[in-house]
Structure formats: C-alpha cells, structure tokens
Amino acid sequence: MDGKLDVNQRQILINSLNDPKSDVKVLLASTKACSEGISLIGASRVVLLDVL
C-alpha cells in the first residue's frame, strides 16, 4: 500500500487486515500511506522501514 492508492481501496485493505476471519496476515505499506492516521487493530507487530 502506498500513498498513491485510492482512499476507498486503502480502506478495503485495512479492513481485510483487521478482520479476524480474513486470511490476510501481512500488510506492506509505505510510511506515506500509514502516516494518515490509519488504525491497524489487527496487527500484532508493526515494523517501520524508511529508506532514503
């Protein structure tokens, strides 16, 4: 998921991660996409990787 992704599509991805019945286990997202106050309640771990 990156900052260029449509807001509706971004919300679909977040919902699929947060849904306990979903098979989604990993969400790769840029810091630009994640710096907009998203809620990843389904995540047990978050790894931030910022490459210049």
PDB file of N, CA and C in Angstrom:
ATOM      1  N   MET A   1       0.851  -1.147   0.000  1.00  0.00           N
ATOM      2  CA  MET A   1       0.000   0.000   0.000  1.00  0.00           C
ATOM      3  C   MET A   1       0.907   1.221   0.000  1.00  0.00           C
ATOM      4  N   ASP A   2       0.636   2.135  -0.911  1.00  0.00           N
ATOM      5  CA  ASP A   2       1.440   3.356  -0.952  1.00  0.00           C
ATOM      6  C   ASP A   2       0.527   4.576  -0.928  1.00  0.00           C
ATOM      7  N   GLY A   3       1.122   5.739  -0.903  1.00  0.00           N
ATOM      8  CA  GLY A   3       0.378   6.979  -0.801  1.00  0.00           C
ATOM      9  C   GLY A   3      -0.456   7.316  -2.022  1.00  0.00           C
ATOM     10  N   LYS A   4      -0.201   6.663  -3.136  1.00  0.00           N
ATOM     11  CA  LYS A   4      -0.945   6.932  -4.369  1.00  0.00           C
ATOM     12  C   LYS A   4      -2.234   6.125  -4.470  1.00  0.00           C
ATOM     13  N   LEU A   5      -2.431   5.175  -3.550  1.00  0.00           N
ATOM     14  CA  LEU A   5      -3.599   4.302  -3.589  1.00  0.00           C
ATOM     15  C   LEU A   5      -4.862   5.080  -3.251  1.00  0.00           C
ATOM     16  N   ASP A   6      -5.951   4.788  -3.977  1.00  0.00           N
ATOM     17  CA  ASP A   6      -7.249   5.408  -3.739  1.00  0.00           C
ATOM     18  C   ASP A   6      -7.699   5.165  -2.293  1.00  0.00           C
ATOM     19  N   VAL A   7      -8.333   6.146  -1.696  1.00  0.00           N
ATOM     20  CA  VAL A   7      -8.759   6.066  -0.296  1.00  0.00           C
ATOM     21  C   VAL A   7      -9.685   4.876  -0.054  1.00  0.00           C
ATOM     22  N   ASN A   8     -10.611   4.639  -0.962  1.00  0.00           N
ATOM     23  CA  ASN A   8     -11.545   3.517  -0.799  1.00  0.00           C
ATOM     24  C   ASN A   8     -10.813   2.180  -0.857  1.00  0.00           C
ATOM     25  N   GLN A   9      -9.886   2.043  -1.774  1.00  0.00           N
ATOM     26  CA  GLN A   9      -9.108   0.809  -1.896  1.00  0.00           C
ATOM     27  C   GLN A   9      -8.225   0.612  -0.666  1.00  0.00           C
ATOM     28  N   ARG A  10      -7.668   1.690  -0.152  1.00  0.00           N
ATOM     29  CA  ARG A  10      -6.852   1.623   1.057  1.00  0.00           C
ATOM     30  C   ARG A  10      -7.679   1.116   2.242  1.00  0.00           C
ATOM     31  N   GLN A  11      -8.915   1.605   2.361  1.00  0.00           N
ATOM     32  CA  GLN A  11      -9.778   1.174   3.455  1.00  0.00           C
ATOM     33  C   GLN A  11     -10.148  -0.306   3.328  1.00  0.00           C
ATOM     34  N   ILE A  12     -10.329  -0.786   2.111  1.00  0.00           N
ATOM     35  CA  ILE A  12     -10.613  -2.209   1.891  1.00  0.00           C
ATOM     36  C   ILE A  12      -9.451  -3.063   2.381  1.00  0.00           C
ATOM     37  N   LEU A  13      -8.221  -2.640   2.086  1.00  0.00           N
ATOM     38  CA  LEU A  13      -7.037  -3.375   2.534  1.00  0.00           C
ATOM     39  C   LEU A  13      -6.923  -3.369   4.061  1.00  0.00           C
ATOM     40  N   ILE A  14      -7.171  -2.227   4.671  1.00  0.00           N
ATOM     41  CA  ILE A  14      -7.101  -2.125   6.130  1.00  0.00           C
ATOM     42  C   ILE A  14      -8.170  -3.004   6.776  1.00  0.00           C
ATOM     43  N   ASN A  15      -9.376  -2.968   6.230  1.00  0.00           N
ATOM     44  CA  ASN A  15     -10.463  -3.796   6.770  1.00  0.00           C
ATOM     45  C   ASN A  15     -10.143  -5.277   6.667  1.00  0.00           C
ATOM     46  N   SER A  16      -9.517  -5.686   5.571  1.00  0.00           N
ATOM     47  CA  SER A  16      -9.179  -7.105   5.415  1.00  0.00           C
ATOM     48  C   SER A  16      -8.109  -7.539   6.418  1.00  0.00           C
ATOM     49  N   LEU A  17      -7.182  -6.646   6.781  1.00  0.00           N
ATOM     50  CA  LEU A  17      -6.188  -6.978   7.799  1.00  0.00           C
ATOM     51  C   LEU A  17      -6.833  -7.047   9.183  1.00  0.00           C
ATOM     52  N   ASN A  18      -7.739  -6.131   9.474  1.00  0.00           N
ATOM     53  CA  ASN A  18      -8.360  -6.059  10.788  1.00  0.00           C
ATOM     54  C   ASN A  18      -9.426  -7.129  11.019  1.00  0.00           C
ATOM     55  N   ASP A  19      -9.930  -7.758   9.965  1.00  0.00           N
ATOM     56  CA  ASP A  19     -10.974  -8.776  10.088  1.00  0.00           C
ATOM     57  C   ASP A  19     -10.374 -10.083  10.608  1.00  0.00           C
ATOM     58  N   PRO A  20     -10.810 -10.549  11.788  1.00  0.00           N
ATOM     59  CA  PRO A  20     -10.230 -11.780  12.344  1.00  0.00           C
ATOM     60  C   PRO A  20     -10.516 -13.030  11.505  1.00  0.00           C
ATOM     61  N   LYS A  21     -11.529 -12.983  10.645  1.00  0.00           N
ATOM     62  CA  LYS A  21     -11.872 -14.137   9.801  1.00  0.00           C
ATOM     63  C   LYS A  21     -11.120 -14.126   8.470  1.00  0.00           C
ATOM     64  N   SER A  22     -10.362 -13.074   8.218  1.00  0.00           N
ATOM     65  CA  SER A  22      -9.639 -12.928   6.955  1.00  0.00           C
ATOM     66  C   SER A  22      -8.368 -13.773   6.961  1.00  0.00           C
ATOM     67  N   ASP A  23      -7.942 -14.176   5.781  1.00  0.00           N
ATOM     68  CA  ASP A  23      -6.690 -14.912   5.624  1.00  0.00           C
ATOM     69  C   ASP A  23      -5.482 -13.985   5.511  1.00  0.00           C
ATOM     70  N   VAL A  24      -5.698 -12.681   5.494  1.00  0.00           N
ATOM     71  CA  VAL A  24      -4.619 -11.715   5.352  1.00  0.00           C
ATOM     72  C   VAL A  24      -3.773 -11.712   6.623  1.00  0.00           C
ATOM     73  N   LYS A  25      -2.481 -11.925   6.451  1.00  0.00           N
ATOM     74  CA  LYS A  25      -1.555 -11.985   7.587  1.00  0.00           C
ATOM     75  C   LYS A  25      -0.525 -10.860   7.566  1.00  0.00           C
ATOM     76  N   VAL A  26      -0.272 -10.283   6.382  1.00  0.00           N
ATOM     77  CA  VAL A  26       0.779  -9.275   6.236  1.00  0.00           C
ATOM     78  C   VAL A  26       0.248  -8.127   5.388  1.00  0.00           C
ATOM     79  N   LEU A  27       0.576  -6.917   5.795  1.00  0.00           N
ATOM     80  CA  LEU A  27       0.245  -5.736   5.014  1.00  0.00           C
ATOM     81  C   LEU A  27       1.517  -4.915   4.874  1.00  0.00           C
ATOM     82  N   LEU A  28       1.969  -4.739   3.662  1.00  0.00           N
ATOM     83  CA  LEU A  28       3.149  -3.908   3.397  1.00  0.00           C
ATOM     84  C   LEU A  28       2.652  -2.528   2.994  1.00  0.00           C
ATOM     85  N   ALA A  29       3.086  -1.524   3.734  1.00  0.00           N
ATOM     86  CA  ALA A  29       2.608  -0.171   3.473  1.00  0.00           C
ATOM     87  C   ALA A  29       3.747   0.820   3.630  1.00  0.00           C
ATOM     88  N   SER A  30       3.714   1.848   2.823  1.00  0.00           N
ATOM     89  CA  SER A  30       4.734   2.900   2.920  1.00  0.00           C
ATOM     90  C   SER A  30       4.412   3.813   4.099  1.00  0.00           C
ATOM     91  N   THR A  31       5.425   4.534   4.575  1.00  0.00           N
ATOM     92  CA  THR A  31       5.192   5.467   5.670  1.00  0.00           C
ATOM     93  C   THR A  31       4.278   6.609   5.223  1.00  0.00           C
ATOM     94  N   LYS A  32       4.292   6.934   3.948  1.00  0.00           N
ATOM     95  CA  LYS A  32       3.403   7.976   3.433  1.00  0.00           C
ATOM     96  C   LYS A  32       1.947   7.528   3.536  1.00  0.00           C
ATOM     97  N   ALA A  33       1.680   6.274   3.243  1.00  0.00           N
ATOM     98  CA  ALA A  33       0.315   5.757   3.325  1.00  0.00           C
ATOM     99  C   ALA A  33      -0.124   5.587   4.773  1.00  0.00           C
ATOM    100  N   CYS A  34       0.789   5.257   5.647  1.00  0.00           N
ATOM    101  CA  CYS A  34       0.446   4.973   7.045  1.00  0.00           C
ATOM    102  C   CYS A  34       0.475   6.200   7.934  1.00  0.00           C
ATOM    103  N   SER A  35       0.952   7.301   7.445  1.00  0.00           N
ATOM    104  CA  SER A  35       1.058   8.482   8.298  1.00  0.00           C
ATOM    105  C   SER A  35      -0.240   9.286   8.320  1.00  0.00           C
ATOM    106  N   GLU A  36      -1.306   8.711   7.811  1.00  0.00           N
ATOM    107  CA  GLU A  36      -2.580   9.425   7.732  1.00  0.00           C
ATOM    108  C   GLU A  36      -3.563   8.961   8.788  1.00  0.00           C
ATOM    109  N   GLY A  37      -3.070   8.410   9.886  1.00  0.00           N
ATOM    110  CA  GLY A  37      -3.933   8.050  10.996  1.00  0.00           C
ATOM    111  C   GLY A  37      -4.737   6.780  10.786  1.00  0.00           C
ATOM    112  N   ILE A  38      -4.179   5.792  10.100  1.00  0.00           N
ATOM    113  CA  ILE A  38      -4.907   4.553   9.903  1.00  0.00           C
ATOM    114  C   ILE A  38      -4.852   3.716  11.175  1.00  0.00           C
ATOM    115  N   SER A  39      -5.847   2.865  11.357  1.00  0.00           N
ATOM    116  CA  SER A  39      -5.932   2.024  12.545  1.00  0.00           C
ATOM    117  C   SER A  39      -5.726   0.567  12.145  1.00  0.00           C
ATOM    118  N   LEU A  40      -4.624  -0.002  12.602  1.00  0.00           N
ATOM    119  CA  LEU A  40      -4.312  -1.394  12.299  1.00  0.00           C
ATOM    120  C   LEU A  40      -4.506  -2.237  13.556  1.00  0.00           C
ATOM    121  N   ILE A  41      -5.734  -2.361  14.014  1.00  0.00           N
ATOM    122  CA  ILE A  41      -6.006  -3.101  15.248  1.00  0.00           C
ATOM    123  C   ILE A  41      -5.760  -4.593  15.078  1.00  0.00           C
ATOM    124  N   GLY A  42      -5.716  -5.069  13.841  1.00  0.00           N
ATOM    125  CA  GLY A  42      -5.470  -6.482  13.581  1.00  0.00           C
ATOM    126  C   GLY A  42      -4.000  -6.843  13.565  1.00  0.00           C
ATOM    127  N   ALA A  43      -3.132  -5.852  13.702  1.00  0.00           N
ATOM    128  CA  ALA A  43      -1.689  -6.105  13.635  1.00  0.00           C
ATOM    129  C   ALA A  43      -1.140  -6.452  15.016  1.00  0.00           C
ATOM    130  N   SER A  44      -0.392  -7.531  15.081  1.00  0.00           N
ATOM    131  CA  SER A  44       0.261  -7.866  16.342  1.00  0.00           C
ATOM    132  C   SER A  44       1.666  -7.275  16.401  1.00  0.00           C
ATOM    133  N   ARG A  45       2.208  -6.953  15.230  1.00  0.00           N
ATOM    134  CA  ARG A  45       3.539  -6.347  15.152  1.00  0.00           C
ATOM    135  C   ARG A  45       3.564  -5.342  14.005  1.00  0.00           C
ATOM    136  N   VAL A  46       4.309  -4.288  14.219  1.00  0.00           N
ATOM    137  CA  VAL A  46       4.486  -3.279  13.179  1.00  0.00           C
ATOM    138  C   VAL A  46       5.976  -3.027  13.039  1.00  0.00           C
ATOM    139  N   VAL A  47       6.486  -3.094  11.823  1.00  0.00           N
ATOM    140  CA  VAL A  47       7.887  -2.840  11.541  1.00  0.00           C
ATOM    141  C   VAL A  47       7.954  -1.626  10.620  1.00  0.00           C
ATOM    142  N   LEU A  48       8.659  -0.602  11.049  1.00  0.00           N
ATOM    143  CA  LEU A  48       8.814   0.596  10.223  1.00  0.00           C
ATOM    144  C   LEU A  48      10.169   0.544   9.541  1.00  0.00           C
ATOM    145  N   LEU A  49      10.156   0.704   8.245  1.00  0.00           N
ATOM    146  CA  LEU A  49      11.373   0.682   7.458  1.00  0.00           C
ATOM    147  C   LEU A  49      11.335   1.892   6.552  1.00  0.00           C
ATOM    148  N   ASP A  50      12.187   2.840   6.776  1.00  0.00           N
ATOM    149  CA  ASP A  50      12.201   4.070   5.991  1.00  0.00           C
ATOM    150  C   ASP A  50      13.532   4.157   5.257  1.00  0.00           C
ATOM    151  N   VAL A  51      13.479   4.011   3.963  1.00  0.00           N
ATOM    152  CA  VAL A  51      14.681   4.016   3.130  1.00  0.00           C
ATOM    153  C   VAL A  51      14.746   5.344   2.379  1.00  0.00           C
ATOM    154  N   LEU A  52      15.911   5.951   2.378  1.00  0.00           N
ATOM    155  CA  LEU A  52      16.090   7.219   1.665  1.00  0.00           C
ATOM    156  C   LEU A  52      16.372   6.988   0.218  1.00  0.00           C
TER     157      LEU A  52
END
